[in-house]
Amino acid sequence: MKKIVTALLLILVLALPACAPAAAPPASPPAAEPAAEPAAGDQPDRKIVVSSKAHTEQYLLGEILALVIENNTVYQVERKIGLNPASDIIHTALLNGEIDLYPEYTGTGWLNILGQEPLADSAVMNERLQEEYGKLGLWWSDLYGFNNTYALTMRREQAEAEGFTQVSDLVGHPELIFGANPDYMERADGYPGLAAAYGLNFAKTFEVDIALKYAALDQEECDVINGFSTDAQLHLPQYAILADDLEYFTAYYAATVCRLAALEEFPELAGALALLDGAISEDEMIGMNYAVEVDQRDYEDVAREFLAGKGLI
């Protein structure tokens, strides 16, 4: 019987039509296989472990990853979403095989995980990031699309009245008050580096808790704050981001970091992850963050609704 089954399988393989390979992600993981209805014995012995860090955007992205895998492969998923707020803890869990993949930001991987110096060219940084992670047995997917980098934000009414559209417009306006969380005021790549790069010289700076920055802006305790380009509050029309015209801020594009061993163990995984390539814009990420943080919706529902609207599940 075994010989008969083997012969039949050989005939089926030879009968398959040749096809052009799909475009591979940057590190050329094992070629993705289409989802099928396999026999029970063909299922892997374990679930794919999907994780994330512990803040709103990461909860959403972790759930998006889990749903994409569950709905576009034959695999089951174990969720460890919100495992830890610290990137290095999640990275260690990945290296140890405790998790298989999680959403990360290119700037975080380059600066915080690898401890490298900032690179102005994000394309070069992404290429080198892939190379260095490959040495660790890890792989970066293509980018989701949005860049959650630092951003300077003002009240729109004030910015429009003063004609401020980019950070350089703030030069020569020492009367403005700059507000930021304490660690940003102290870090070399925070306010000191920003001020040096642009020649900013605010007469007064204002330290404010990261959760209260927009409230401080609303109450006119400061005129400019540091934030992130996918902050939930940016869904509201009263705020305006100033363009980083000197491209000072490091890029923090979101993507999936996955164990190469997991890509080999689960052949359909790379194809499922590729569905998220370029799929999430900054406005879409802002909207999802707003739905969870302000509208108080469950992140699972928001993630499912987003993917359904994209036709990805």
C-alpha atoms as a PDB file:
ATOM      1  CA  MET A   1       0.000   0.000   0.000  1.00  0.00           C
ATOM      2  CA  LYS A   2       2.839   2.384   0.853  1.00  0.00           C
ATOM      3  CA  LYS A   3       4.315   1.888  -2.652  1.00  0.00           C
ATOM      4  CA  ILE A   4       0.954   2.654  -4.264  1.00  0.00           C
ATOM      5  CA  VAL A   5       0.522   5.879  -2.257  1.00  0.00           C
ATOM      6  CA  THR A   6       4.064   6.955  -3.099  1.00  0.00           C
ATOM      7  CA  ALA A   7       3.507   6.326  -6.786  1.00  0.00           C
ATOM      8  CA  LEU A   8       0.264   8.298  -6.766  1.00  0.00           C
ATOM      9  CA  LEU A   9       1.937  11.226  -5.033  1.00  0.00           C
ATOM     10  CA  LEU A  10       4.727  11.183  -7.628  1.00  0.00           C
ATOM     11  CA  ILE A  11       2.185  11.275 -10.472  1.00  0.00           C
ATOM     12  CA  LEU A  12       0.353  14.197  -8.852  1.00  0.00           C
ATOM     13  CA  VAL A  13       3.571  16.161  -8.390  1.00  0.00           C
ATOM     14  CA  LEU A  14       4.604  15.629 -12.012  1.00  0.00           C
ATOM     15  CA  ALA A  15       1.157  16.673 -13.194  1.00  0.00           C
ATOM     16  CA  LEU A  16       1.233  20.048 -11.451  1.00  0.00           C
ATOM     17  CA  PRO A  17       1.564  22.958 -13.915  1.00  0.00           C
ATOM     18  CA  ALA A  18       4.640  25.133 -13.757  1.00  0.00           C
ATOM     19  CA  CYS A  19       4.055  28.670 -12.469  1.00  0.00           C
ATOM     20  CA  ALA A  20       6.094  31.807 -11.964  1.00  0.00           C
ATOM     21  CA  PRO A  21       7.182  32.287  -8.326  1.00  0.00           C
ATOM     22  CA  ALA A  22       5.566  35.080  -6.327  1.00  0.00           C
ATOM     23  CA  ALA A  23       7.700  38.070  -5.404  1.00  0.00           C
ATOM     24  CA  ALA A  24       9.650  37.049  -2.310  1.00  0.00           C
ATOM     25  CA  PRO A  25      10.015  39.197   0.816  1.00  0.00           C
ATOM     26  CA  PRO A  26      13.434  40.833   1.318  1.00  0.00           C
ATOM     27  CA  ALA A  27      15.221  37.915   2.982  1.00  0.00           C
ATOM     28  CA  SER A  28      13.854  35.338   0.531  1.00  0.00           C
ATOM     29  CA  PRO A  29      12.089  33.087   3.057  1.00  0.00           C
ATOM     30  CA  PRO A  30      10.882  29.642   1.978  1.00  0.00           C
ATOM     31  CA  ALA A  31       8.363  29.972  -0.856  1.00  0.00           C
ATOM     32  CA  ALA A  32       4.793  30.315   0.399  1.00  0.00           C
ATOM     33  CA  GLU A  33       2.306  27.550  -0.330  1.00  0.00           C
ATOM     34  CA  PRO A  34      -1.387  28.262  -0.929  1.00  0.00           C
ATOM     35  CA  ALA A  35      -3.880  27.379   1.758  1.00  0.00           C
ATOM     36  CA  ALA A  36      -5.507  24.013   1.270  1.00  0.00           C
ATOM     37  CA  GLU A  37      -7.680  21.516   3.072  1.00  0.00           C
ATOM     38  CA  PRO A  38      -5.053  19.021   4.238  1.00  0.00           C
ATOM     39  CA  ALA A  39      -5.563  15.724   5.933  1.00  0.00           C
ATOM     40  CA  ALA A  40      -5.435  15.940   9.715  1.00  0.00           C
ATOM     41  CA  GLY A  41      -2.014  14.325   9.707  1.00  0.00           C
ATOM     42  CA  ASP A  42      -0.603  17.138   7.552  1.00  0.00           C
ATOM     43  CA  GLN A  43      -1.251  19.772  10.217  1.00  0.00           C
ATOM     44  CA  PRO A  44       1.814  20.935  12.192  1.00  0.00           C
ATOM     45  CA  ASP A  45       2.083  19.574  15.692  1.00  0.00           C
ATOM     46  CA  ARG A  46       1.893  23.038  17.252  1.00  0.00           C
ATOM     47  CA  LYS A  47       0.344  26.460  16.833  1.00  0.00           C
ATOM     48  CA  ILE A  48       2.067  29.580  15.506  1.00  0.00           C
ATOM     49  CA  VAL A  49       2.754  31.846  18.474  1.00  0.00           C
ATOM     50  CA  VAL A  50       1.939  35.493  17.665  1.00  0.00           C
ATOM     51  CA  SER A  51       2.995  38.176  20.123  1.00  0.00           C
ATOM     52  CA  SER A  52       3.216  41.960  20.467  1.00  0.00           C
ATOM     53  CA  LYS A  53       4.300  44.665  22.830  1.00  0.00           C
ATOM     54  CA  ALA A  54       1.849  46.123  25.337  1.00  0.00           C
ATOM     55  CA  HIS A  55       0.402  49.328  23.940  1.00  0.00           C
ATOM     56  CA  THR A  56      -2.651  50.098  21.827  1.00  0.00           C
ATOM     57  CA  GLU A  57      -1.086  50.024  18.375  1.00  0.00           C
ATOM     58  CA  GLN A  58       0.775  46.808  19.139  1.00  0.00           C
ATOM     59  CA  TYR A  59      -2.354  45.100  20.447  1.00  0.00           C
ATOM     60  CA  LEU A  60      -4.057  45.983  17.175  1.00  0.00           C
ATOM     61  CA  LEU A  61      -1.162  44.839  14.988  1.00  0.00           C
ATOM     62  CA  GLY A  62      -0.736  41.621  16.932  1.00  0.00           C
ATOM     63  CA  GLU A  63      -4.405  40.773  16.475  1.00  0.00           C
ATOM     64  CA  ILE A  64      -4.226  41.716  12.783  1.00  0.00           C
ATOM     65  CA  LEU A  65      -1.334  39.271  12.353  1.00  0.00           C
ATOM     66  CA  ALA A  66      -3.177  36.506  14.185  1.00  0.00           C
ATOM     67  CA  LEU A  67      -6.352  36.968  12.128  1.00  0.00           C
ATOM     68  CA  VAL A  68      -4.499  37.094   8.811  1.00  0.00           C
ATOM     69  CA  ILE A  69      -2.743  33.827   9.607  1.00  0.00           C
ATOM     70  CA  GLU A  70      -5.884  32.084  10.868  1.00  0.00           C
ATOM     71  CA  ASN A  71      -7.953  33.130   7.870  1.00  0.00           C
ATOM     72  CA  ASN A  72      -5.401  32.626   5.103  1.00  0.00           C
ATOM     73  CA  THR A  73      -3.531  29.467   6.129  1.00  0.00           C
ATOM     74  CA  VAL A  74      -4.374  26.049   7.563  1.00  0.00           C
ATOM     75  CA  TYR A  75      -2.534  26.873  10.802  1.00  0.00           C
ATOM     76  CA  GLN A  76      -3.814  27.572  14.272  1.00  0.00           C
ATOM     77  CA  VAL A  77      -2.553  30.523  16.296  1.00  0.00           C
ATOM     78  CA  GLU A  78      -1.633  30.936  19.941  1.00  0.00           C
ATOM     79  CA  ARG A  79      -1.885  34.570  21.016  1.00  0.00           C
ATOM     80  CA  LYS A  80       0.622  36.153  23.389  1.00  0.00           C
ATOM     81  CA  ILE A  81      -0.443  39.678  22.526  1.00  0.00           C
ATOM     82  CA  GLY A  82       0.669  42.402  24.910  1.00  0.00           C
ATOM     83  CA  LEU A  83       3.425  40.155  26.238  1.00  0.00           C
ATOM     84  CA  ASN A  84       5.611  43.012  27.466  1.00  0.00           C
ATOM     85  CA  PRO A  85       6.018  46.733  26.763  1.00  0.00           C
ATOM     86  CA  ALA A  86       9.782  46.408  26.270  1.00  0.00           C
ATOM     87  CA  SER A  87      11.204  45.661  22.825  1.00  0.00           C
ATOM     88  CA  ASP A  88      14.246  43.849  24.201  1.00  0.00           C
ATOM     89  CA  ILE A  89      12.062  41.428  26.197  1.00  0.00           C
ATOM     90  CA  ILE A  90       9.988  40.559  23.121  1.00  0.00           C
ATOM     91  CA  HIS A  91      13.147  40.234  21.021  1.00  0.00           C
ATOM     92  CA  THR A  92      14.656  37.822  23.555  1.00  0.00           C
ATOM     93  CA  ALA A  93      11.463  35.747  23.558  1.00  0.00           C
ATOM     94  CA  LEU A  94      11.719  35.551  19.769  1.00  0.00           C
ATOM     95  CA  LEU A  95      15.361  34.454  19.859  1.00  0.00           C
ATOM     96  CA  ASN A  96      14.520  31.812  22.466  1.00  0.00           C
ATOM     97  CA  GLY A  97      11.685  30.396  20.365  1.00  0.00           C
ATOM     98  CA  GLU A  98       9.036  31.307  22.940  1.00  0.00           C
ATOM     99  CA  ILE A  99       7.197  33.218  20.224  1.00  0.00           C
ATOM    100  CA  ASP A 100       7.338  32.973  16.425  1.00  0.00           C
ATOM    101  CA  LEU A 101       6.639  36.515  15.283  1.00  0.00           C
ATOM    102  CA  TYR A 102       5.555  39.980  16.356  1.00  0.00           C
ATOM    103  CA  PRO A 103       5.114  43.474  14.867  1.00  0.00           C
ATOM    104  CA  GLU A 104       8.108  45.776  15.211  1.00  0.00           C
ATOM    105  CA  TYR A 105       9.351  49.124  13.931  1.00  0.00           C
ATOM    106  CA  THR A 106      12.445  49.482  11.766  1.00  0.00           C
ATOM    107  CA  GLY A 107      13.893  52.307  13.834  1.00  0.00           C
ATOM    108  CA  THR A 108      13.440  50.303  17.029  1.00  0.00           C
ATOM    109  CA  GLY A 109      15.148  47.284  15.524  1.00  0.00           C
ATOM    110  CA  TRP A 110      18.075  49.319  14.216  1.00  0.00           C
ATOM    111  CA  LEU A 111      18.646  51.667  17.150  1.00  0.00           C
ATOM    112  CA  ASN A 112      17.371  49.819  20.213  1.00  0.00           C
ATOM    113  CA  ILE A 113      17.814  46.131  19.410  1.00  0.00           C
ATOM    114  CA  LEU A 114      20.987  46.292  17.330  1.00  0.00           C
ATOM    115  CA  GLY A 115      22.379  49.412  19.027  1.00  0.00           C
ATOM    116  CA  GLN A 116      23.379  51.053  15.743  1.00  0.00           C
ATOM    117  CA  GLU A 117      23.781  54.739  14.954  1.00  0.00           C
ATOM    118  CA  PRO A 118      20.904  56.537  13.181  1.00  0.00           C
ATOM    119  CA  LEU A 119      20.806  56.316   9.393  1.00  0.00           C
ATOM    120  CA  ALA A 120      19.123  59.052   7.391  1.00  0.00           C
ATOM    121  CA  ASP A 121      18.472  56.766   4.413  1.00  0.00           C
ATOM    122  CA  SER A 122      15.628  54.487   5.515  1.00  0.00           C
ATOM    123  CA  ALA A 123      16.076  52.165   2.519  1.00  0.00           C
ATOM    124  CA  VAL A 124      19.710  51.539   3.445  1.00  0.00           C
ATOM    125  CA  MET A 125      18.709  51.039   7.075  1.00  0.00           C
ATOM    126  CA  ASN A 126      16.069  48.479   6.093  1.00  0.00           C
ATOM    127  CA  GLU A 127      18.536  46.553   3.941  1.00  0.00           C
ATOM    128  CA  ARG A 128      21.163  46.438   6.661  1.00  0.00           C
ATOM    129  CA  LEU A 129      18.528  45.610   9.263  1.00  0.00           C
ATOM    130  CA  GLN A 130      17.532  42.557   7.230  1.00  0.00           C
ATOM    131  CA  GLU A 131      21.162  41.470   6.956  1.00  0.00           C
ATOM    132  CA  GLU A 132      21.878  41.811  10.674  1.00  0.00           C
ATOM    133  CA  TYR A 133      18.656  40.094  11.738  1.00  0.00           C
ATOM    134  CA  GLY A 134      19.366  37.280   9.298  1.00  0.00           C
ATOM    135  CA  LYS A 135      22.528  36.515  11.260  1.00  0.00           C
ATOM    136  CA  LEU A 136      20.273  35.985  14.273  1.00  0.00           C
ATOM    137  CA  GLY A 137      17.977  33.610  12.426  1.00  0.00           C
ATOM    138  CA  LEU A 138      15.293  36.272  12.071  1.00  0.00           C
ATOM    139  CA  TRP A 139      13.522  37.845   9.095  1.00  0.00           C
ATOM    140  CA  TRP A 140      11.722  41.144   8.465  1.00  0.00           C
ATOM    141  CA  SER A 141       8.652  41.154   6.263  1.00  0.00           C
ATOM    142  CA  ASP A 142       7.984  43.931   3.784  1.00  0.00           C
ATOM    143  CA  LEU A 143       6.593  47.091   5.381  1.00  0.00           C
ATOM    144  CA  TYR A 144       2.941  47.481   6.355  1.00  0.00           C
ATOM    145  CA  GLY A 145       2.977  50.975   4.917  1.00  0.00           C
ATOM    146  CA  PHE A 146       2.828  53.427   7.819  1.00  0.00           C
ATOM    147  CA  ASN A 147       5.715  55.142   9.567  1.00  0.00           C
ATOM    148  CA  ASN A 148       5.153  55.678  13.292  1.00  0.00           C
ATOM    149  CA  THR A 149       7.994  58.117  13.809  1.00  0.00           C
ATOM    150  CA  TYR A 150       8.364  61.193  15.982  1.00  0.00           C
ATOM    151  CA  ALA A 151       6.346  64.234  14.964  1.00  0.00           C
ATOM    152  CA  LEU A 152       6.004  67.815  16.151  1.00  0.00           C
ATOM    153  CA  THR A 153       2.370  68.809  16.577  1.00  0.00           C
ATOM    154  CA  MET A 154       0.599  72.129  17.104  1.00  0.00           C
ATOM    155  CA  ARG A 155      -2.952  73.345  17.496  1.00  0.00           C
ATOM    156  CA  ARG A 156      -4.127  73.649  13.899  1.00  0.00           C
ATOM    157  CA  GLU A 157      -5.655  77.068  14.499  1.00  0.00           C
ATOM    158  CA  GLN A 158      -2.349  78.483  15.733  1.00  0.00           C
ATOM    159  CA  ALA A 159      -0.259  76.760  13.064  1.00  0.00           C
ATOM    160  CA  GLU A 160      -2.446  78.094  10.266  1.00  0.00           C
ATOM    161  CA  ALA A 161      -2.560  81.599  11.752  1.00  0.00           C
ATOM    162  CA  GLU A 162       1.246  81.701  11.947  1.00  0.00           C
ATOM    163  CA  GLY A 163       1.784  79.955   8.620  1.00  0.00           C
ATOM    164  CA  PHE A 164       3.664  77.052  10.209  1.00  0.00           C
ATOM    165  CA  THR A 165       3.673  73.926   8.028  1.00  0.00           C
ATOM    166  CA  GLN A 166       7.123  72.455   8.660  1.00  0.00           C
ATOM    167  CA  VAL A 167       9.598  72.318  11.529  1.00  0.00           C
ATOM    168  CA  SER A 168      11.918  74.870   9.904  1.00  0.00           C
ATOM    169  CA  ASP A 169       9.133  77.444  10.206  1.00  0.00           C
ATOM    170  CA  LEU A 170       9.683  77.443  13.971  1.00  0.00           C
ATOM    171  CA  VAL A 171      13.181  78.894  13.607  1.00  0.00           C
ATOM    172  CA  GLY A 172      13.292  82.494  14.807  1.00  0.00           C
ATOM    173  CA  HIS A 173      10.273  82.090  17.082  1.00  0.00           C
ATOM    174  CA  PRO A 174      11.747  81.833  20.591  1.00  0.00           C
ATOM    175  CA  GLU A 175       8.439  82.955  22.076  1.00  0.00           C
ATOM    176  CA  LEU A 176       6.965  79.505  21.421  1.00  0.00           C
ATOM    177  CA  ILE A 177       6.819  77.023  24.302  1.00  0.00           C
ATOM    178  CA  PHE A 178       7.926  73.468  23.541  1.00  0.00           C
ATOM    179  CA  GLY A 179       6.414  70.607  25.547  1.00  0.00           C
ATOM    180  CA  ALA A 180       7.719  67.041  25.703  1.00  0.00           C
ATOM    181  CA  ASN A 181       7.988  64.065  28.019  1.00  0.00           C
ATOM    182  CA  PRO A 182      11.061  64.236  30.300  1.00  0.00           C
ATOM    183  CA  ASP A 183      13.122  61.505  28.630  1.00  0.00           C
ATOM    184  CA  TYR A 184      12.702  63.143  25.215  1.00  0.00           C
ATOM    185  CA  MET A 185      14.054  66.385  26.646  1.00  0.00           C
ATOM    186  CA  GLU A 186      17.203  64.583  27.829  1.00  0.00           C
ATOM    187  CA  ARG A 187      17.965  62.064  25.078  1.00  0.00           C
ATOM    188  CA  ALA A 188      20.649  63.039  22.569  1.00  0.00           C
ATOM    189  CA  ASP A 189      18.371  62.022  19.684  1.00  0.00           C
ATOM    190  CA  GLY A 190      15.452  63.857  21.304  1.00  0.00           C
ATOM    191  CA  TYR A 191      15.106  67.596  21.842  1.00  0.00           C
ATOM    192  CA  PRO A 192      18.857  68.398  22.031  1.00  0.00           C
ATOM    193  CA  GLY A 193      19.504  66.780  18.654  1.00  0.00           C
ATOM    194  CA  LEU A 194      16.347  68.233  17.140  1.00  0.00           C
ATOM    195  CA  ALA A 195      17.200  71.756  18.297  1.00  0.00           C
ATOM    196  CA  ALA A 196      20.745  71.471  16.978  1.00  0.00           C
ATOM    197  CA  ALA A 197      19.657  70.083  13.596  1.00  0.00           C
ATOM    198  CA  TYR A 198      17.067  72.789  12.983  1.00  0.00           C
ATOM    199  CA  GLY A 199      18.577  75.679  14.939  1.00  0.00           C
ATOM    200  CA  LEU A 200      15.620  75.897  17.311  1.00  0.00           C
ATOM    201  CA  ASN A 201      15.941  78.153  20.327  1.00  0.00           C
ATOM    202  CA  PHE A 202      12.751  78.174  22.343  1.00  0.00           C
ATOM    203  CA  ALA A 203      12.850  80.491  25.335  1.00  0.00           C
ATOM    204  CA  LYS A 204      10.877  77.992  27.379  1.00  0.00           C
ATOM    205  CA  THR A 205      10.497  74.238  27.372  1.00  0.00           C
ATOM    206  CA  PHE A 206       7.833  72.391  29.285  1.00  0.00           C
ATOM    207  CA  GLU A 207       8.119  68.845  30.629  1.00  0.00           C
ATOM    208  CA  VAL A 208       4.838  66.957  30.575  1.00  0.00           C
ATOM    209  CA  ASP A 209       3.809  63.347  31.064  1.00  0.00           C
ATOM    210  CA  ILE A 210       3.511  61.488  27.770  1.00  0.00           C
ATOM    211  CA  ALA A 211      -0.190  60.816  28.379  1.00  0.00           C
ATOM    212  CA  LEU A 212      -0.950  64.490  29.022  1.00  0.00           C
ATOM    213  CA  LYS A 213       0.807  66.168  26.094  1.00  0.00           C
ATOM    214  CA  TYR A 214      -2.297  66.783  24.016  1.00  0.00           C
ATOM    215  CA  ALA A 215      -4.181  68.087  27.046  1.00  0.00           C
ATOM    216  CA  ALA A 216      -1.313  70.523  27.683  1.00  0.00           C
ATOM    217  CA  LEU A 217      -1.530  71.630  24.067  1.00  0.00           C
ATOM    218  CA  ASP A 218      -5.310  72.088  24.319  1.00  0.00           C
ATOM    219  CA  GLN A 219      -4.930  74.169  27.478  1.00  0.00           C
ATOM    220  CA  GLU A 220      -2.249  76.311  25.786  1.00  0.00           C
ATOM    221  CA  GLU A 221       0.385  75.388  28.348  1.00  0.00           C
ATOM    222  CA  CYS A 222       2.645  74.855  25.352  1.00  0.00           C
ATOM    223  CA  ASP A 223       2.574  75.620  21.638  1.00  0.00           C
ATOM    224  CA  VAL A 224       4.445  72.658  20.182  1.00  0.00           C
ATOM    225  CA  ILE A 225       4.680  69.087  21.455  1.00  0.00           C
ATOM    226  CA  ASN A 226       6.570  65.981  20.445  1.00  0.00           C
ATOM    227  CA  GLY A 227       4.348  63.072  19.585  1.00  0.00           C
ATOM    228  CA  PHE A 228       4.151  60.131  17.235  1.00  0.00           C
ATOM    229  CA  SER A 229       2.800  60.231  13.719  1.00  0.00           C
ATOM    230  CA  THR A 230       0.087  57.640  14.437  1.00  0.00           C
ATOM    231  CA  ASP A 231      -1.143  59.056  17.760  1.00  0.00           C
ATOM    232  CA  ALA A 232      -4.883  58.511  18.188  1.00  0.00           C
ATOM    233  CA  GLN A 233      -5.460  62.218  18.835  1.00  0.00           C
ATOM    234  CA  LEU A 234      -4.345  63.043  15.283  1.00  0.00           C
ATOM    235  CA  HIS A 235      -7.670  61.647  14.116  1.00  0.00           C
ATOM    236  CA  LEU A 236      -9.142  64.925  15.350  1.00  0.00           C
ATOM    237  CA  PRO A 237      -9.023  67.972  13.076  1.00  0.00           C
ATOM    238  CA  GLN A 238      -7.758  70.440  15.690  1.00  0.00           C
ATOM    239  CA  TYR A 239      -4.169  69.164  15.484  1.00  0.00           C
ATOM    240  CA  ALA A 240      -1.579  69.687  12.755  1.00  0.00           C
ATOM    241  CA  ILE A 241       1.707  67.820  12.276  1.00  0.00           C
ATOM    242  CA  LEU A 242       4.661  69.906  11.118  1.00  0.00           C
ATOM    243  CA  ALA A 243       6.568  68.280   8.272  1.00  0.00           C
ATOM    244  CA  ASP A 244      10.077  67.086   9.153  1.00  0.00           C
ATOM    245  CA  ASP A 245      11.572  68.948   6.190  1.00  0.00           C
ATOM    246  CA  LEU A 246      15.186  68.148   7.119  1.00  0.00           C
ATOM    247  CA  GLU A 247      14.283  64.479   7.642  1.00  0.00           C
ATOM    248  CA  TYR A 248      15.826  64.523  11.095  1.00  0.00           C
ATOM    249  CA  PHE A 249      13.624  61.828  12.610  1.00  0.00           C
ATOM    250  CA  THR A 250      14.602  58.195  12.127  1.00  0.00           C
ATOM    251  CA  ALA A 251      12.034  56.157  10.206  1.00  0.00           C
ATOM    252  CA  TYR A 252       9.938  53.739  12.265  1.00  0.00           C
ATOM    253  CA  TYR A 253       8.119  51.728   9.614  1.00  0.00           C
ATOM    254  CA  ALA A 254       6.086  48.834  10.977  1.00  0.00           C
ATOM    255  CA  ALA A 255       6.613  45.281   9.756  1.00  0.00           C
ATOM    256  CA  THR A 256       6.625  41.710  11.032  1.00  0.00           C
ATOM    257  CA  VAL A 257       9.714  40.132  12.557  1.00  0.00           C
ATOM    258  CA  CYS A 258       9.623  36.340  12.324  1.00  0.00           C
ATOM    259  CA  ARG A 259      11.884  33.403  13.105  1.00  0.00           C
ATOM    260  CA  LEU A 260      13.323  31.892   9.919  1.00  0.00           C
ATOM    261  CA  ALA A 261      12.786  28.468  11.475  1.00  0.00           C
ATOM    262  CA  ALA A 262       9.067  29.230  11.751  1.00  0.00           C
ATOM    263  CA  LEU A 263       8.892  30.151   8.062  1.00  0.00           C
ATOM    264  CA  GLU A 264      10.384  26.770   7.229  1.00  0.00           C
ATOM    265  CA  GLU A 265       8.137  24.921   9.663  1.00  0.00           C
ATOM    266  CA  PHE A 266       4.977  26.637   8.375  1.00  0.00           C
ATOM    267  CA  PRO A 267       5.324  26.933   4.568  1.00  0.00           C
ATOM    268  CA  GLU A 268       2.151  29.000   4.086  1.00  0.00           C
ATOM    269  CA  LEU A 269       3.146  31.612   6.666  1.00  0.00           C
ATOM    270  CA  ALA A 270       5.216  33.900   4.426  1.00  0.00           C
ATOM    271  CA  GLY A 271       2.396  34.174   1.909  1.00  0.00           C
ATOM    272  CA  ALA A 272      -0.094  35.155   4.600  1.00  0.00           C
ATOM    273  CA  LEU A 273       2.237  37.791   6.033  1.00  0.00           C
ATOM    274  CA  ALA A 274       2.754  39.238   2.548  1.00  0.00           C
ATOM    275  CA  LEU A 275      -0.951  40.173   2.489  1.00  0.00           C
ATOM    276  CA  LEU A 276      -0.082  43.031   4.850  1.00  0.00           C
ATOM    277  CA  ASP A 277       2.586  44.527   2.572  1.00  0.00           C
ATOM    278  CA  GLY A 278       1.617  48.172   2.097  1.00  0.00           C
ATOM    279  CA  ALA A 279      -1.846  47.464   3.537  1.00  0.00           C
ATOM    280  CA  ILE A 280      -1.965  49.958   6.428  1.00  0.00           C
ATOM    281  CA  SER A 281      -1.643  53.704   5.906  1.00  0.00           C
ATOM    282  CA  GLU A 282      -0.847  56.211   8.630  1.00  0.00           C
ATOM    283  CA  ASP A 283      -4.416  57.550   8.534  1.00  0.00           C
ATOM    284  CA  GLU A 284      -5.783  54.021   8.890  1.00  0.00           C
ATOM    285  CA  MET A 285      -3.515  53.291  11.838  1.00  0.00           C
ATOM    286  CA  ILE A 286      -4.484  56.583  13.477  1.00  0.00           C
ATOM    287  CA  GLY A 287      -8.148  55.699  12.998  1.00  0.00           C
ATOM    288  CA  MET A 288      -7.746  52.265  14.586  1.00  0.00           C
ATOM    289  CA  ASN A 289      -5.814  53.710  17.530  1.00  0.00           C
ATOM    290  CA  TYR A 290      -8.571  56.292  18.000  1.00  0.00           C
ATOM    291  CA  ALA A 291     -11.287  53.644  17.908  1.00  0.00           C
ATOM    292  CA  VAL A 292      -9.610  51.774  20.788  1.00  0.00           C
ATOM    293  CA  GLU A 293      -8.254  54.632  22.914  1.00  0.00           C
ATOM    294  CA  VAL A 294     -11.032  57.195  22.527  1.00  0.00           C
ATOM    295  CA  ASP A 295     -14.112  55.282  21.383  1.00  0.00           C
ATOM    296  CA  GLN A 296     -13.201  52.493  23.830  1.00  0.00           C
ATOM    297  CA  ARG A 297     -13.811  49.702  21.355  1.00  0.00           C
ATOM    298  CA  ASP A 298     -12.224  46.266  21.758  1.00  0.00           C
ATOM    299  CA  TYR A 299      -9.026  45.990  19.755  1.00  0.00           C
ATOM    300  CA  GLU A 300     -10.071  42.540  18.492  1.00  0.00           C
ATOM    301  CA  ASP A 301     -13.216  43.980  16.905  1.00  0.00           C
ATOM    302  CA  VAL A 302     -11.361  46.936  15.389  1.00  0.00           C
ATOM    303  CA  ALA A 303      -8.688  44.657  13.892  1.00  0.00           C
ATOM    304  CA  ARG A 304     -11.263  42.258  12.431  1.00  0.00           C
ATOM    305  CA  GLU A 305     -13.315  45.114  10.977  1.00  0.00           C
ATOM    306  CA  PHE A 306     -10.232  46.629   9.340  1.00  0.00           C
ATOM    307  CA  LEU A 307      -9.172  43.368   7.704  1.00  0.00           C
ATOM    308  CA  ALA A 308     -12.694  42.580   6.555  1.00  0.00           C
ATOM    309  CA  GLY A 309     -12.920  45.998   4.950  1.00  0.00           C
ATOM    310  CA  LYS A 310      -9.688  45.266   3.074  1.00  0.00           C
ATOM    311  CA  GLY A 311     -10.914  41.879   1.955  1.00  0.00           C
ATOM    312  CA  LEU A 312      -8.056  40.164   3.783  1.00  0.00           C
ATOM    313  CA  ILE A 313     -10.280  37.890   5.868  1.00  0.00           C
END
